[in-house]
Every structure is written in C-alpha cells, then in structure tokens.
Amino acid sequence: METASPGDNGANAAGDPNTKKPNDSAFKQQRLRAWQPILTAGTVLPTFFVIGVAFIPIGIGMMYFSANVMEKAIPYTDCENEAGDRCSDVISNKTAEQKHCTCSVPFEIESDWQGQVFIYYELENFYQNHRRYVKSRDDKQLLGKIDLNNPDTECKPFYKLNETIAYLPCGAIANSLFSDVIVLKYSTEKENKTVNVTRTGIAWDSDKKI
C-alpha cells in the first residue's frame, strides 16, 4: 500500500486547505501553449508599412484640426497703469491690504474666431510640482479644524504675517494663489463694451468629483 506525503500532488489534489502548493493545472503550473513569432525583415517591414498607411488619415485629421486652432498670446508682465508705472513695481511697494493695480493692454484679432474662446494664464518660473511647495499646507485647517497654537511645521515660513495676524489657510500653496482679474472689452470707433466671460464648463469632471 502506497502513501503520499503532504507535499505531493496527491495531497493538493485531495483539496487540503493547509497546503500552499498550486494546483497541478496547465494554467497555474505555466504549461499553457505559447507562440513566439520569428521576426524577420520579410515580416516586420510589411507590418510597419500597413500600420503606417493606417495612421496616415489619422495624422491628416490631427493636422487639419490643429491648423484650425486659433491662439493669441498677450504678455502683460510689464503692463503700466494710467500714471505710467509698472503694476509689478506698484504692487511690490504696497502693503498687503493695498496690492491693487489696474492696467490696460490693447490687442487686435485679425480674423473671426468660430466657437468657444478660452482664456488661459501662464506663469513663468513657478514650479507647483516642487516637493516643498506641495507639502506646504495644513490639512487640518483645510478640514475646518483651526488651531493657531499648534501650526503645521510644513507651513513655515507662510504661517503668520505678524504676531497677531495668521494666515488662514497657511502655506506656500495658499500664499501663491493667482488673483489677477482679467476683463475683456470690445472696442471699435463706435462702441466700447465689456465681453461677458463665464466660469462654467471649464473644469474636467474628474477635477470636480475628486
């Protein structure tokens, strides 16, 4: 009479729940049939050619839609107010409660734009993916749990303006919030009116849900 040890296939086939040995099947023992093609010039080149021909209409479509995108960049870093002073200099010399400056930048659209027009702002030398910048916040404050006596050390040096005024929320992220207000006006020889700009429908669904 033959006996089987707990490590044999017979013990596992019997359904022993204590063993960690996988079942003796083709899938779990990696004995499934496999096919590995032999790559030669006669097989690779025709495949690349067929794929290239298939992507030609896709590339033509992308070039067509890209050519129809209208874009105009309007820098206003050195924008001046009515007194002829640069707003960047005016704001840097004012206190936190007086940091306001209004300037105007005239520009002209040479052709008619069809469809929706989006406004974007671009910041140079501003790195939001820096490790210290990403961590510079207090999650307890963002949850509404205000404790001025025990600030998060990650907020330093943007925790207090002085001994009596604290930043809420604190940190570099809140301190560097883009606060410029952009107003568009349509001007001709006969009229000068403000263009209505909406703030809806500009965010992805994932940005609103998460």
Protein backbone atom coordinates (compact mmCIF):
# COMPACT_ATOMS: atom_id res chain seq x y z
CA MET A 1 0.00 0.00 0.00
CA GLU A 2 1.42 3.40 -1.07
CA THR A 3 1.20 6.59 1.00
CA ALA A 4 1.55 10.23 -0.11
CA SER A 5 3.37 12.94 1.79
CA PRO A 6 1.65 16.30 2.41
CA GLY A 7 3.86 17.91 -0.22
CA ASP A 8 2.86 15.58 -3.04
CA ASN A 9 0.36 16.37 -5.75
CA GLY A 10 -1.95 13.80 -4.29
CA ALA A 11 -2.42 15.83 -1.09
CA ASN A 12 -3.11 19.00 -3.03
CA ALA A 13 -5.45 17.27 -5.44
CA ALA A 14 -7.45 15.96 -2.49
CA GLY A 15 -8.24 19.59 -1.55
CA ASP A 16 -6.01 20.02 1.51
CA PRO A 17 -6.72 23.60 2.67
CA ASN A 18 -3.42 23.83 4.58
CA THR A 19 -1.12 23.47 1.60
CA LYS A 20 0.13 26.48 -0.38
CA LYS A 21 1.19 24.46 -3.38
CA PRO A 22 -0.75 25.49 -6.51
CA ASN A 23 -2.99 23.01 -8.23
CA ASP A 24 -1.48 20.78 -10.88
CA SER A 25 -3.16 22.59 -13.76
CA ALA A 26 -1.70 23.88 -17.00
CA PHE A 27 -2.54 27.48 -16.10
CA LYS A 28 -1.14 27.54 -12.56
CA GLN A 29 1.90 25.46 -13.48
CA GLN A 30 2.59 27.66 -16.55
CA ARG A 31 2.28 24.86 -19.06
CA LEU A 32 -0.06 26.68 -21.44
CA ARG A 33 0.77 26.66 -25.10
CA ALA A 34 2.65 29.74 -26.30
CA TRP A 35 3.55 31.12 -29.69
CA GLN A 36 6.58 33.29 -30.29
CA PRO A 37 6.87 34.75 -33.79
CA ILE A 38 10.21 34.84 -35.54
CA LEU A 39 10.86 38.44 -36.55
CA THR A 40 12.45 38.78 -39.96
CA ALA A 41 12.69 41.61 -42.48
CA GLY A 42 10.05 39.95 -44.63
CA THR A 43 7.51 40.01 -41.79
CA VAL A 44 8.42 43.24 -39.95
CA LEU A 45 8.64 45.64 -42.90
CA PRO A 46 5.21 44.82 -44.38
CA THR A 47 3.68 45.12 -40.89
CA PHE A 48 5.22 48.55 -40.37
CA PHE A 49 4.07 49.61 -43.83
CA VAL A 50 0.46 48.56 -43.19
CA ILE A 51 0.40 50.30 -39.80
CA GLY A 52 1.92 53.44 -41.33
CA VAL A 53 -0.68 53.56 -44.07
CA ALA A 54 -3.44 53.11 -41.49
CA PHE A 55 -2.17 56.08 -39.46
CA ILE A 56 -1.91 58.44 -42.44
CA PRO A 57 -5.60 59.50 -42.33
CA ILE A 58 -5.36 59.91 -38.56
CA GLY A 59 -2.37 62.21 -38.97
CA ILE A 60 -4.15 64.22 -41.68
CA GLY A 61 -7.15 64.68 -39.41
CA MET A 62 -4.99 65.81 -36.50
CA MET A 63 -3.14 68.31 -38.70
CA TYR A 64 -6.44 69.65 -40.01
CA PHE A 65 -7.94 70.24 -36.59
CA SER A 66 -4.64 71.62 -35.24
CA ALA A 67 -4.48 74.14 -38.08
CA ASN A 68 -7.98 75.36 -37.19
CA VAL A 69 -6.98 76.21 -33.60
CA MET A 70 -6.63 79.97 -33.19
CA GLU A 71 -4.37 81.27 -30.44
CA LYS A 72 -3.05 84.66 -29.40
CA ALA A 73 -0.58 85.26 -26.56
CA ILE A 74 -0.76 88.65 -24.81
CA PRO A 75 2.05 89.23 -22.27
CA TYR A 76 1.29 91.80 -19.58
CA THR A 77 4.27 91.41 -17.24
CA ASP A 78 5.38 95.00 -17.91
CA CYS A 79 1.86 96.40 -18.05
CA GLU A 80 1.59 100.03 -16.87
CA ASN A 81 -1.25 101.82 -15.13
CA GLU A 82 -2.69 105.21 -16.10
CA ALA A 83 0.15 107.02 -14.30
CA GLY A 84 2.76 105.20 -16.38
CA ASP A 85 4.04 103.00 -13.55
CA ARG A 86 4.53 99.27 -13.96
CA CYS A 87 1.95 97.34 -11.96
CA SER A 88 4.61 94.86 -10.80
CA ASP A 89 6.55 97.73 -9.19
CA VAL A 90 3.43 99.32 -7.74
CA ILE A 91 2.25 96.08 -6.11
CA SER A 92 5.70 95.25 -4.71
CA ASN A 93 5.84 98.62 -2.93
CA LYS A 94 2.41 98.41 -1.36
CA THR A 95 1.17 96.68 1.78
CA ALA A 96 -0.90 93.50 1.74
CA GLU A 97 -4.16 95.49 2.00
CA GLN A 98 -3.26 97.81 -0.91
CA LYS A 99 -1.96 95.37 -3.52
CA HIS A 100 -4.19 96.54 -6.34
CA CYS A 101 -3.23 97.90 -9.74
CA THR A 102 -5.23 98.24 -12.94
CA CYS A 103 -3.64 98.34 -16.37
CA SER A 104 -4.85 98.02 -19.95
CA VAL A 105 -3.29 96.07 -22.83
CA PRO A 106 -4.84 96.75 -26.25
CA PHE A 107 -4.68 93.97 -28.83
CA GLU A 108 -6.32 93.14 -32.14
CA ILE A 109 -7.77 89.91 -33.50
CA GLU A 110 -7.00 89.79 -37.21
CA SER A 111 -9.67 87.22 -38.17
CA ASP A 112 -13.00 85.91 -36.92
CA TRP A 113 -12.89 83.07 -34.38
CA GLN A 114 -15.58 80.42 -34.51
CA GLY A 115 -16.88 78.52 -31.49
CA GLN A 116 -15.95 78.95 -27.84
CA VAL A 117 -12.95 81.06 -26.84
CA PHE A 118 -10.99 80.07 -23.73
CA ILE A 119 -8.73 82.32 -21.65
CA TYR A 120 -5.64 80.85 -20.01
CA TYR A 121 -2.94 82.47 -17.92
CA GLU A 122 0.71 81.40 -17.98
CA LEU A 123 3.22 81.81 -15.15
CA GLU A 124 6.96 81.59 -15.67
CA ASN A 125 9.47 80.26 -13.12
CA PHE A 126 6.64 78.90 -10.99
CA TYR A 127 7.01 75.23 -10.12
CA GLN A 128 3.94 73.72 -8.47
CA ASN A 129 5.41 70.21 -8.53
CA HIS A 130 8.28 71.06 -6.17
CA ARG A 131 8.27 68.78 -3.13
CA ARG A 132 8.41 71.57 -0.55
CA TYR A 133 5.66 73.50 -2.33
CA VAL A 134 3.29 70.52 -2.49
CA LYS A 135 3.74 69.80 1.24
CA SER A 136 3.37 73.45 2.30
CA ARG A 137 -0.17 73.27 3.65
CA ASP A 138 -2.10 72.35 6.79
CA ASP A 139 -4.66 69.63 6.10
CA LYS A 140 -6.34 70.22 9.47
CA GLN A 141 -7.03 73.82 8.53
CA LEU A 142 -8.46 72.76 5.18
CA LEU A 143 -10.83 70.44 7.06
CA GLY A 144 -12.00 73.37 9.21
CA LYS A 145 -10.04 72.45 12.34
CA ILE A 146 -8.33 75.73 13.23
CA ASP A 147 -5.64 75.53 15.91
CA LEU A 148 -3.40 78.59 15.89
CA ASN A 149 -1.35 77.33 18.83
CA ASN A 150 -0.19 74.16 17.05
CA PRO A 151 0.54 75.04 13.45
CA ASP A 152 1.78 72.53 10.94
CA THR A 153 5.52 72.97 10.55
CA GLU A 154 5.18 72.42 6.80
CA CYS A 155 3.51 75.85 6.54
CA LYS A 156 6.63 77.77 7.52
CA PRO A 157 7.52 80.49 6.69
CA PHE A 158 3.97 81.26 5.47
CA TYR A 159 2.22 80.79 8.80
CA LYS A 160 1.94 84.26 10.32
CA LEU A 161 2.02 87.73 8.82
CA ASN A 162 2.97 89.11 12.23
CA GLU A 163 2.45 88.24 15.90
CA THR A 164 -1.28 88.94 15.77
CA ILE A 165 -2.32 88.05 12.21
CA ALA A 166 -2.07 84.44 11.00
CA TYR A 167 -2.54 83.07 7.50
CA LEU A 168 -5.71 81.01 7.13
CA PRO A 169 -5.09 78.80 5.28
CA CYS A 170 -1.35 78.80 5.76
CA GLY A 171 1.41 77.54 3.49
CA ALA A 172 3.00 78.39 0.17
CA ILE A 173 0.09 76.99 -1.87
CA ALA A 174 -2.43 79.43 -0.39
CA ASN A 175 0.13 82.24 -0.35
CA SER A 176 0.76 81.97 -4.10
CA LEU A 177 -2.87 81.91 -5.24
CA PHE A 178 -3.31 83.57 -8.64
CA SER A 179 -5.54 86.59 -8.01
CA ASP A 180 -5.37 88.60 -11.25
CA VAL A 181 -8.75 89.64 -12.62
CA ILE A 182 -8.96 89.73 -16.43
CA VAL A 183 -11.67 91.82 -18.08
CA LEU A 184 -12.16 91.75 -21.86
CA LYS A 185 -13.56 94.75 -23.70
CA TYR A 186 -14.59 95.02 -27.34
CA SER A 187 -13.64 98.41 -28.71
CA THR A 188 -14.40 99.98 -32.07
CA GLU A 189 -14.75 103.53 -33.32
CA LYS A 190 -18.46 103.46 -32.48
CA GLU A 191 -18.71 101.35 -29.32
CA ASN A 192 -16.80 100.10 -26.31
CA LYS A 193 -18.46 97.26 -24.42
CA THR A 194 -17.41 94.58 -21.95
CA VAL A 195 -17.29 91.00 -23.19
CA ASN A 196 -19.16 88.55 -20.98
CA VAL A 197 -16.83 85.81 -19.67
CA THR A 198 -18.27 82.76 -17.92
CA ARG A 199 -16.53 80.49 -15.42
CA THR A 200 -18.65 77.39 -16.02
CA GLY A 201 -17.87 74.37 -18.18
CA ILE A 202 -14.09 74.85 -17.98
CA ALA A 203 -13.19 72.07 -15.50
CA TRP A 204 -12.96 68.34 -16.12
CA ASP A 205 -15.46 66.09 -14.40
CA SER A 206 -12.62 64.38 -12.54
CA ASP A 207 -11.47 67.74 -11.13
CA LYS A 208 -14.94 68.44 -9.77
CA LYS A 209 -15.59 65.00 -8.30
CA ILE A 210 -12.19 64.24 -6.74
